[in-house]
Amino acid sequence: MRREPVGHPGLVWGMKHPDQPSRQEIRAQKLSTEASNCLAIAVRDSSTDFVAQLIDEAIRLAARARELRAADRPLPATGRHATPERLDRLRGEGSA
């Protein structure tokens, strides 16, 4: 017998609420926050080498966050999720 959580008819224990963000979206948000933190530290620091490293790290973190967000969204009209390889094929950049 399935038990429904109190106050949420139609949901079964272990199911995710429809409004709850996916794990990829949560991870993407954390990476974006870390990128923002790197830039905030870089603005206050005066060491050129350290600032360059922080900016490089912020760029890497932001790029990964964008990848996670793109992979988490279904492609229009297909319902399939957009993987980096599938996006490259759609853009014509992948190897045939």
PDB file of N, CA and C in Angstrom:
ATOM      1  N   MET A   1       0.838  -1.185   0.000  1.00  0.00           N
ATOM      2  CA  MET A   1       0.000   0.000   0.000  1.00  0.00           C
ATOM      3  C   MET A   1       0.883   1.249   0.000  1.00  0.00           C
ATOM      4  N   ARG A   2       0.562   2.177  -0.885  1.00  0.00           N
ATOM      5  CA  ARG A   2       1.339   3.415  -0.962  1.00  0.00           C
ATOM      6  C   ARG A   2       0.827   4.414   0.054  1.00  0.00           C
ATOM      7  N   ARG A   3       1.746   5.062   0.722  1.00  0.00           N
ATOM      8  CA  ARG A   3       1.369   6.110   1.669  1.00  0.00           C
ATOM      9  C   ARG A   3       1.710   7.455   1.070  1.00  0.00           C
ATOM     10  N   GLU A   4       0.788   8.368   1.170  1.00  0.00           N
ATOM     11  CA  GLU A   4       1.016   9.726   0.671  1.00  0.00           C
ATOM     12  C   GLU A   4       1.456  10.620   1.819  1.00  0.00           C
ATOM     13  N   PRO A   5       2.411  11.514   1.575  1.00  0.00           N
ATOM     14  CA  PRO A   5       2.805  12.461   2.623  1.00  0.00           C
ATOM     15  C   PRO A   5       1.613  13.330   3.030  1.00  0.00           C
ATOM     16  N   VAL A   6       1.552  13.636   4.289  1.00  0.00           N
ATOM     17  CA  VAL A   6       0.458  14.457   4.808  1.00  0.00           C
ATOM     18  C   VAL A   6       0.471  15.825   4.135  1.00  0.00           C
ATOM     19  N   GLY A   7      -0.661  16.256   3.644  1.00  0.00           N
ATOM     20  CA  GLY A   7      -0.782  17.574   3.038  1.00  0.00           C
ATOM     21  C   GLY A   7      -0.388  17.615   1.576  1.00  0.00           C
ATOM     22  N   HIS A   8       0.059  16.492   1.020  1.00  0.00           N
ATOM     23  CA  HIS A   8       0.460  16.450  -0.385  1.00  0.00           C
ATOM     24  C   HIS A   8      -0.171  15.236  -1.070  1.00  0.00           C
ATOM     25  N   PRO A   9      -1.467  15.268  -1.326  1.00  0.00           N
ATOM     26  CA  PRO A   9      -2.088  14.124  -1.985  1.00  0.00           C
ATOM     27  C   PRO A   9      -1.508  13.920  -3.379  1.00  0.00           C
ATOM     28  N   GLY A  10      -1.318  12.696  -3.743  1.00  0.00           N
ATOM     29  CA  GLY A  10      -0.772  12.378  -5.051  1.00  0.00           C
ATOM     30  C   GLY A  10       0.730  12.148  -5.038  1.00  0.00           C
ATOM     31  N   LEU A  11       1.417  12.618  -3.997  1.00  0.00           N
ATOM     32  CA  LEU A  11       2.858  12.373  -3.884  1.00  0.00           C
ATOM     33  C   LEU A  11       3.082  11.114  -3.059  1.00  0.00           C
ATOM     34  N   VAL A  12       4.089  10.363  -3.402  1.00  0.00           N
ATOM     35  CA  VAL A  12       4.451   9.153  -2.676  1.00  0.00           C
ATOM     36  C   VAL A  12       5.778   9.420  -1.988  1.00  0.00           C
ATOM     37  N   TRP A  13       6.004   8.808  -0.838  1.00  0.00           N
ATOM     38  CA  TRP A  13       7.265   8.987  -0.132  1.00  0.00           C
ATOM     39  C   TRP A  13       8.419   8.673  -1.063  1.00  0.00           C
ATOM     40  N   GLY A  14       9.422   9.503  -1.065  1.00  0.00           N
ATOM     41  CA  GLY A  14      10.585   9.320  -1.911  1.00  0.00           C
ATOM     42  C   GLY A  14      10.482  10.075  -3.224  1.00  0.00           C
ATOM     43  N   MET A  15       9.294  10.528  -3.562  1.00  0.00           N
ATOM     44  CA  MET A  15       9.140  11.314  -4.784  1.00  0.00           C
ATOM     45  C   MET A  15       9.539  12.755  -4.518  1.00  0.00           C
ATOM     46  N   LYS A  16      10.051  13.388  -5.550  1.00  0.00           N
ATOM     47  CA  LYS A  16      10.454  14.784  -5.442  1.00  0.00           C
ATOM     48  C   LYS A  16       9.238  15.668  -5.732  1.00  0.00           C
ATOM     49  N   HIS A  17       9.087  16.736  -4.981  1.00  0.00           N
ATOM     50  CA  HIS A  17       8.011  17.694  -5.238  1.00  0.00           C
ATOM     51  C   HIS A  17       8.291  18.369  -6.577  1.00  0.00           C
ATOM     52  N   PRO A  18       7.264  18.604  -7.398  1.00  0.00           N
ATOM     53  CA  PRO A  18       7.483  19.190  -8.728  1.00  0.00           C
ATOM     54  C   PRO A  18       8.197  20.537  -8.713  1.00  0.00           C
ATOM     55  N   ASP A  19       8.043  21.315  -7.652  1.00  0.00           N
ATOM     56  CA  ASP A  19       8.680  22.632  -7.584  1.00  0.00           C
ATOM     57  C   ASP A  19      10.102  22.581  -7.040  1.00  0.00           C
ATOM     58  N   GLN A  20      10.519  21.427  -6.558  1.00  0.00           N
ATOM     59  CA  GLN A  20      11.856  21.293  -5.978  1.00  0.00           C
ATOM     60  C   GLN A  20      12.898  21.268  -7.097  1.00  0.00           C
ATOM     61  N   PRO A  21      13.987  22.044  -6.964  1.00  0.00           N
ATOM     62  CA  PRO A  21      15.019  22.042  -8.010  1.00  0.00           C
ATOM     63  C   PRO A  21      15.743  20.700  -8.061  1.00  0.00           C
ATOM     64  N   SER A  22      16.260  20.368  -9.234  1.00  0.00           N
ATOM     65  CA  SER A  22      16.994  19.121  -9.398  1.00  0.00           C
ATOM     66  C   SER A  22      18.352  19.229  -8.712  1.00  0.00           C
ATOM     67  N   ARG A  23      19.004  18.086  -8.557  1.00  0.00           N
ATOM     68  CA  ARG A  23      20.337  18.081  -7.951  1.00  0.00           C
ATOM     69  C   ARG A  23      21.315  18.871  -8.805  1.00  0.00           C
ATOM     70  N   GLN A  24      21.155  18.790 -10.136  1.00  0.00           N
ATOM     71  CA  GLN A  24      22.037  19.540 -11.023  1.00  0.00           C
ATOM     72  C   GLN A  24      21.840  21.040 -10.851  1.00  0.00           C
ATOM     73  N   GLU A  25      20.589  21.465 -10.694  1.00  0.00           N
ATOM     74  CA  GLU A  25      20.331  22.893 -10.510  1.00  0.00           C
ATOM     75  C   GLU A  25      20.891  23.381  -9.177  1.00  0.00           C
ATOM     76  N   ILE A  26      20.772  22.568  -8.140  1.00  0.00           N
ATOM     77  CA  ILE A  26      21.323  22.929  -6.832  1.00  0.00           C
ATOM     78  C   ILE A  26      22.843  23.046  -6.925  1.00  0.00           C
ATOM     79  N   ARG A  27      23.473  22.080  -7.610  1.00  0.00           N
ATOM     80  CA  ARG A  27      24.932  22.120  -7.773  1.00  0.00           C
ATOM     81  C   ARG A  27      25.363  23.318  -8.613  1.00  0.00           C
ATOM     82  N   ALA A  28      24.596  23.615  -9.656  1.00  0.00           N
ATOM     83  CA  ALA A  28      24.910  24.772 -10.508  1.00  0.00           C
ATOM     84  C   ALA A  28      24.831  26.066  -9.697  1.00  0.00           C
ATOM     85  N   GLN A  29      23.846  26.166  -8.819  1.00  0.00           N
ATOM     86  CA  GLN A  29      23.720  27.363  -7.983  1.00  0.00           C
ATOM     87  C   GLN A  29      24.906  27.504  -7.042  1.00  0.00           C
ATOM     88  N   LYS A  30      25.353  26.377  -6.461  1.00  0.00           N
ATOM     89  CA  LYS A  30      26.515  26.420  -5.569  1.00  0.00           C
ATOM     90  C   LYS A  30      27.773  26.841  -6.326  1.00  0.00           C
ATOM     91  N   LEU A  31      27.934  26.317  -7.548  1.00  0.00           N
ATOM     92  CA  LEU A  31      29.101  26.694  -8.347  1.00  0.00           C
ATOM     93  C   LEU A  31      29.063  28.172  -8.720  1.00  0.00           C
ATOM     94  N   SER A  32      27.885  28.678  -9.044  1.00  0.00           N
ATOM     95  CA  SER A  32      27.748  30.103  -9.358  1.00  0.00           C
ATOM     96  C   SER A  32      28.097  30.965  -8.158  1.00  0.00           C
ATOM     97  N   THR A  33      27.671  30.531  -6.984  1.00  0.00           N
ATOM     98  CA  THR A  33      27.990  31.263  -5.762  1.00  0.00           C
ATOM     99  C   THR A  33      29.494  31.263  -5.508  1.00  0.00           C
ATOM    100  N   GLU A  34      30.131  30.117  -5.709  1.00  0.00           N
ATOM    101  CA  GLU A  34      31.585  30.039  -5.530  1.00  0.00           C
ATOM    102  C   GLU A  34      32.312  30.943  -6.527  1.00  0.00           C
ATOM    103  N   ALA A  35      31.833  30.992  -7.773  1.00  0.00           N
ATOM    104  CA  ALA A  35      32.440  31.868  -8.781  1.00  0.00           C
ATOM    105  C   ALA A  35      32.316  33.328  -8.350  1.00  0.00           C
ATOM    106  N   SER A  36      31.155  33.682  -7.835  1.00  0.00           N
ATOM    107  CA  SER A  36      30.940  35.045  -7.355  1.00  0.00           C
ATOM    108  C   SER A  36      31.865  35.366  -6.186  1.00  0.00           C
ATOM    109  N   ASN A  37      32.045  34.399  -5.292  1.00  0.00           N
ATOM    110  CA  ASN A  37      32.948  34.589  -4.155  1.00  0.00           C
ATOM    111  C   ASN A  37      34.387  34.798  -4.620  1.00  0.00           C
ATOM    112  N   CYS A  38      34.805  34.017  -5.627  1.00  0.00           N
ATOM    113  CA  CYS A  38      36.173  34.180  -6.167  1.00  0.00           C
ATOM    114  C   CYS A  38      36.370  35.588  -6.700  1.00  0.00           C
ATOM    115  N   LEU A  39      35.390  36.091  -7.431  1.00  0.00           N
ATOM    116  CA  LEU A  39      35.512  37.436  -7.987  1.00  0.00           C
ATOM    117  C   LEU A  39      35.503  38.499  -6.899  1.00  0.00           C
ATOM    118  N   ALA A  40      34.706  38.291  -5.866  1.00  0.00           N
ATOM    119  CA  ALA A  40      34.663  39.256  -4.763  1.00  0.00           C
ATOM    120  C   ALA A  40      36.020  39.330  -4.057  1.00  0.00           C
ATOM    121  N   ILE A  41      36.656  38.183  -3.877  1.00  0.00           N
ATOM    122  CA  ILE A  41      37.978  38.167  -3.245  1.00  0.00           C
ATOM    123  C   ILE A  41      39.003  38.810  -4.176  1.00  0.00           C
ATOM    124  N   ALA A  42      38.901  38.515  -5.481  1.00  0.00           N
ATOM    125  CA  ALA A  42      39.857  39.060  -6.451  1.00  0.00           C
ATOM    126  C   ALA A  42      39.821  40.577  -6.499  1.00  0.00           C
ATOM    127  N   VAL A  43      38.652  41.160  -6.345  1.00  0.00           N
ATOM    128  CA  VAL A  43      38.517  42.617  -6.394  1.00  0.00           C
ATOM    129  C   VAL A  43      39.240  43.276  -5.217  1.00  0.00           C
ATOM    130  N   ARG A  44      39.236  42.599  -4.070  1.00  0.00           N
ATOM    131  CA  ARG A  44      39.846  43.195  -2.869  1.00  0.00           C
ATOM    132  C   ARG A  44      41.342  42.929  -2.760  1.00  0.00           C
ATOM    133  N   ASP A  45      41.856  41.944  -3.492  1.00  0.00           N
ATOM    134  CA  ASP A  45      43.261  41.567  -3.349  1.00  0.00           C
ATOM    135  C   ASP A  45      44.141  42.404  -4.269  1.00  0.00           C
ATOM    136  N   SER A  46      45.407  42.546  -3.881  1.00  0.00           N
ATOM    137  CA  SER A  46      46.313  43.357  -4.698  1.00  0.00           C
ATOM    138  C   SER A  46      47.391  42.526  -5.399  1.00  0.00           C
ATOM    139  N   SER A  47      47.499  41.242  -5.071  1.00  0.00           N
ATOM    140  CA  SER A  47      48.499  40.370  -5.687  1.00  0.00           C
ATOM    141  C   SER A  47      48.034  39.948  -7.078  1.00  0.00           C
ATOM    142  N   THR A  48      48.741  40.363  -8.101  1.00  0.00           N
ATOM    143  CA  THR A  48      48.338  40.124  -9.485  1.00  0.00           C
ATOM    144  C   THR A  48      48.217  38.635  -9.797  1.00  0.00           C
ATOM    145  N   ASP A  49      49.198  37.836  -9.354  1.00  0.00           N
ATOM    146  CA  ASP A  49      49.163  36.398  -9.635  1.00  0.00           C
ATOM    147  C   ASP A  49      47.954  35.733  -8.976  1.00  0.00           C
ATOM    148  N   PHE A  50      47.697  36.071  -7.728  1.00  0.00           N
ATOM    149  CA  PHE A  50      46.581  35.486  -7.002  1.00  0.00           C
ATOM    150  C   PHE A  50      45.250  35.909  -7.630  1.00  0.00           C
ATOM    151  N   VAL A  51      45.135  37.163  -8.018  1.00  0.00           N
ATOM    152  CA  VAL A  51      43.921  37.664  -8.662  1.00  0.00           C
ATOM    153  C   VAL A  51      43.678  36.919  -9.977  1.00  0.00           C
ATOM    154  N   ALA A  52      44.729  36.702 -10.746  1.00  0.00           N
ATOM    155  CA  ALA A  52      44.598  35.970 -12.015  1.00  0.00           C
ATOM    156  C   ALA A  52      44.103  34.548 -11.772  1.00  0.00           C
ATOM    157  N   GLN A  53      44.637  33.883 -10.745  1.00  0.00           N
ATOM    158  CA  GLN A  53      44.192  32.528 -10.414  1.00  0.00           C
ATOM    159  C   GLN A  53      42.730  32.514  -9.995  1.00  0.00           C
ATOM    160  N   LEU A  54      42.334  33.501  -9.205  1.00  0.00           N
ATOM    161  CA  LEU A  54      40.935  33.566  -8.765  1.00  0.00           C
ATOM    162  C   LEU A  54      39.987  33.805  -9.945  1.00  0.00           C
ATOM    163  N   ILE A  55      40.381  34.667 -10.861  1.00  0.00           N
ATOM    164  CA  ILE A  55      39.537  34.941 -12.029  1.00  0.00           C
ATOM    165  C   ILE A  55      39.444  33.694 -12.906  1.00  0.00           C
ATOM    166  N   ASP A  56      40.552  32.993 -13.101  1.00  0.00           N
ATOM    167  CA  ASP A  56      40.523  31.748 -13.874  1.00  0.00           C
ATOM    168  C   ASP A  56      39.593  30.721 -13.230  1.00  0.00           C
ATOM    169  N   GLU A  57      39.677  30.603 -11.922  1.00  0.00           N
ATOM    170  CA  GLU A  57      38.812  29.660 -11.201  1.00  0.00           C
ATOM    171  C   GLU A  57      37.348  30.071 -11.318  1.00  0.00           C
ATOM    172  N   ALA A  58      37.064  31.360 -11.229  1.00  0.00           N
ATOM    173  CA  ALA A  58      35.686  31.837 -11.371  1.00  0.00           C
ATOM    174  C   ALA A  58      35.143  31.515 -12.756  1.00  0.00           C
ATOM    175  N   ILE A  59      35.974  31.658 -13.782  1.00  0.00           N
ATOM    176  CA  ILE A  59      35.542  31.335 -15.142  1.00  0.00           C
ATOM    177  C   ILE A  59      35.235  29.848 -15.264  1.00  0.00           C
ATOM    178  N   ARG A  60      36.094  28.996 -14.703  1.00  0.00           N
ATOM    179  CA  ARG A  60      35.854  27.545 -14.749  1.00  0.00           C
ATOM    180  C   ARG A  60      34.573  27.162 -14.012  1.00  0.00           C
ATOM    181  N   LEU A  61      34.375  27.735 -12.833  1.00  0.00           N
ATOM    182  CA  LEU A  61      33.172  27.428 -12.050  1.00  0.00           C
ATOM    183  C   LEU A  61      31.905  27.884 -12.761  1.00  0.00           C
ATOM    184  N   ALA A  62      31.928  29.076 -13.330  1.00  0.00           N
ATOM    185  CA  ALA A  62      30.754  29.600 -14.035  1.00  0.00           C
ATOM    186  C   ALA A  62      30.447  28.770 -15.277  1.00  0.00           C
ATOM    187  N   ALA A  63      31.482  28.328 -15.989  1.00  0.00           N
ATOM    188  CA  ALA A  63      31.275  27.505 -17.180  1.00  0.00           C
ATOM    189  C   ALA A  63      30.642  26.169 -16.803  1.00  0.00           C
ATOM    190  N   ARG A  64      31.115  25.570 -15.726  1.00  0.00           N
ATOM    191  CA  ARG A  64      30.533  24.293 -15.286  1.00  0.00           C
ATOM    192  C   ARG A  64      29.087  24.481 -14.841  1.00  0.00           C
ATOM    193  N   ALA A  65      28.797  25.586 -14.181  1.00  0.00           N
ATOM    194  CA  ALA A  65      27.422  25.864 -13.769  1.00  0.00           C
ATOM    195  C   ALA A  65      26.512  25.989 -14.992  1.00  0.00           C
ATOM    196  N   ARG A  66      26.996  26.664 -16.037  1.00  0.00           N
ATOM    197  CA  ARG A  66      26.208  26.784 -17.275  1.00  0.00           C
ATOM    198  C   ARG A  66      25.977  25.417 -17.908  1.00  0.00           C
ATOM    199  N   GLU A  67      27.004  24.562 -17.911  1.00  0.00           N
ATOM    200  CA  GLU A  67      26.853  23.220 -18.467  1.00  0.00           C
ATOM    201  C   GLU A  67      25.801  22.420 -17.715  1.00  0.00           C
ATOM    202  N   LEU A  68      25.847  22.496 -16.385  1.00  0.00           N
ATOM    203  CA  LEU A  68      24.863  21.765 -15.583  1.00  0.00           C
ATOM    204  C   LEU A  68      23.452  22.266 -15.846  1.00  0.00           C
ATOM    205  N   ARG A  69      23.298  23.571 -15.943  1.00  0.00           N
ATOM    206  CA  ARG A  69      21.965  24.118 -16.197  1.00  0.00           C
ATOM    207  C   ARG A  69      21.461  23.728 -17.587  1.00  0.00           C
ATOM    208  N   ALA A  70      22.341  23.732 -18.575  1.00  0.00           N
ATOM    209  CA  ALA A  70      21.933  23.352 -19.933  1.00  0.00           C
ATOM    210  C   ALA A  70      21.551  21.878 -19.985  1.00  0.00           C
ATOM    211  N   ALA A  71      22.291  21.033 -19.280  1.00  0.00           N
ATOM    212  CA  ALA A  71      22.015  19.600 -19.291  1.00  0.00           C
ATOM    213  C   ALA A  71      20.748  19.268 -18.525  1.00  0.00           C
ATOM    214  N   ASP A  72      20.342  20.147 -17.633  1.00  0.00           N
ATOM    215  CA  ASP A  72      19.157  19.901 -16.812  1.00  0.00           C
ATOM    216  C   ASP A  72      17.867  20.278 -17.530  1.00  0.00           C
ATOM    217  N   ARG A  73      17.969  21.061 -18.599  1.00  0.00           N
ATOM    218  CA  ARG A  73      16.770  21.501 -19.326  1.00  0.00           C
ATOM    219  C   ARG A  73      16.487  20.570 -20.490  1.00  0.00           C
ATOM    220  N   PRO A  74      15.222  20.174 -20.670  1.00  0.00           N
ATOM    221  CA  PRO A  74      14.889  19.370 -21.850  1.00  0.00           C
ATOM    222  C   PRO A  74      15.028  20.211 -23.116  1.00  0.00           C
ATOM    223  N   LEU A  75      15.400  19.565 -24.197  1.00  0.00           N
ATOM    224  CA  LEU A  75      15.481  20.256 -25.475  1.00  0.00           C
ATOM    225  C   LEU A  75      14.067  20.584 -25.944  1.00  0.00           C
ATOM    226  N   PRO A  76      13.869  21.703 -26.630  1.00  0.00           N
ATOM    227  CA  PRO A  76      12.538  22.059 -27.107  1.00  0.00           C
ATOM    228  C   PRO A  76      11.995  20.980 -28.043  1.00  0.00           C
ATOM    229  N   ALA A  77      10.738  20.647 -27.883  1.00  0.00           N
ATOM    230  CA  ALA A  77       9.974  19.742 -28.749  1.00  0.00           C
ATOM    231  C   ALA A  77      10.410  18.288 -28.666  1.00  0.00           C
ATOM    232  N   THR A  78      11.457  17.958 -27.925  1.00  0.00           N
ATOM    233  CA  THR A  78      11.867  16.562 -27.847  1.00  0.00           C
ATOM    234  C   THR A  78      11.635  15.984 -26.460  1.00  0.00           C
ATOM    235  N   GLY A  79      11.735  16.828 -25.433  1.00  0.00           N
ATOM    236  CA  GLY A  79      11.605  16.341 -24.071  1.00  0.00           C
ATOM    237  C   GLY A  79      12.868  15.653 -23.569  1.00  0.00           C
ATOM    238  N   ARG A  80      13.866  15.452 -24.463  1.00  0.00           N
ATOM    239  CA  ARG A  80      15.116  14.825 -24.050  1.00  0.00           C
ATOM    240  C   ARG A  80      16.034  15.890 -23.456  1.00  0.00           C
ATOM    241  N   HIS A  81      16.866  15.465 -22.531  1.00  0.00           N
ATOM    242  CA  HIS A  81      17.763  16.422 -21.883  1.00  0.00           C
ATOM    243  C   HIS A  81      18.945  16.751 -22.774  1.00  0.00           C
ATOM    244  N   ALA A  82      19.421  17.982 -22.636  1.00  0.00           N
ATOM    245  CA  ALA A  82      20.507  18.487 -23.476  1.00  0.00           C
ATOM    246  C   ALA A  82      21.844  18.143 -22.852  1.00  0.00           C
ATOM    247  N   THR A  83      22.519  17.167 -23.432  1.00  0.00           N
ATOM    248  CA  THR A  83      23.876  16.856 -22.992  1.00  0.00           C
ATOM    249  C   THR A  83      24.837  17.705 -23.819  1.00  0.00           C
ATOM    250  N   PRO A  84      26.053  17.931 -23.339  1.00  0.00           N
ATOM    251  CA  PRO A  84      27.002  18.730 -24.133  1.00  0.00           C
ATOM    252  C   PRO A  84      27.224  18.142 -25.530  1.00  0.00           C
ATOM    253  N   GLU A  85      27.268  16.793 -25.639  1.00  0.00           N
ATOM    254  CA  GLU A  85      27.466  16.164 -26.948  1.00  0.00           C
ATOM    255  C   GLU A  85      26.273  16.433 -27.865  1.00  0.00           C
ATOM    256  N   ARG A  86      25.058  16.330 -27.316  1.00  0.00           N
ATOM    257  CA  ARG A  86      23.859  16.568 -28.114  1.00  0.00           C
ATOM    258  C   ARG A  86      23.787  18.032 -28.552  1.00  0.00           C
ATOM    259  N   LEU A  87      24.176  18.947 -27.670  1.00  0.00           N
ATOM    260  CA  LEU A  87      24.179  20.362 -28.035  1.00  0.00           C
ATOM    261  C   LEU A  87      25.188  20.634 -29.140  1.00  0.00           C
ATOM    262  N   ASP A  88      26.364  19.989 -29.077  1.00  0.00           N
ATOM    263  CA  ASP A  88      27.371  20.155 -30.137  1.00  0.00           C
ATOM    264  C   ASP A  88      26.826  19.653 -31.468  1.00  0.00           C
ATOM    265  N   ARG A  89      26.141  18.492 -31.444  1.00  0.00           N
ATOM    266  CA  ARG A  89      25.570  17.968 -32.682  1.00  0.00           C
ATOM    267  C   ARG A  89      24.529  18.906 -33.257  1.00  0.00           C
ATOM    268  N   LEU A  90      23.715  19.498 -32.396  1.00  0.00           N
ATOM    269  CA  LEU A  90      22.688  20.427 -32.870  1.00  0.00           C
ATOM    270  C   LEU A  90      23.314  21.671 -33.482  1.00  0.00           C
ATOM    271  N   ARG A  91      24.429  22.121 -32.916  1.00  0.00           N
ATOM    272  CA  ARG A  91      25.115  23.296 -33.432  1.00  0.00           C
ATOM    273  C   ARG A  91      25.969  22.955 -34.659  1.00  0.00           C
ATOM    274  N   GLY A  92      26.158  21.655 -34.930  1.00  0.00           N
ATOM    275  CA  GLY A  92      26.984  21.244 -36.060  1.00  0.00           C
ATOM    276  C   GLY A  92      28.459  21.214 -35.732  1.00  0.00           C
ATOM    277  N   GLU A  93      28.801  21.225 -34.430  1.00  0.00           N
ATOM    278  CA  GLU A  93      30.206  21.279 -34.026  1.00  0.00           C
ATOM    279  C   GLU A  93      30.779  19.907 -33.720  1.00  0.00           C
ATOM    280  N   GLY A  94      29.919  18.893 -33.563  1.00  0.00           N
ATOM    281  CA  GLY A  94      30.398  17.565 -33.194  1.00  0.00           C
ATOM    282  C   GLY A  94      30.953  16.811 -34.376  1.00  0.00           C
ATOM    283  N   SER A  95      31.729  15.806 -34.079  1.00  0.00           N
ATOM    284  CA  SER A  95      32.273  14.985 -35.166  1.00  0.00           C
ATOM    285  C   SER A  95      31.194  14.019 -35.642  1.00  0.00           C
ATOM    286  N   ALA A  96      31.110  13.805 -36.944  1.00  0.00           N
ATOM    287  CA  ALA A  96      30.055  12.968 -37.513  1.00  0.00           C
ATOM    288  C   ALA A  96      30.371  11.510 -37.425  1.00  0.00           C
TER     289      ALA A  96
END
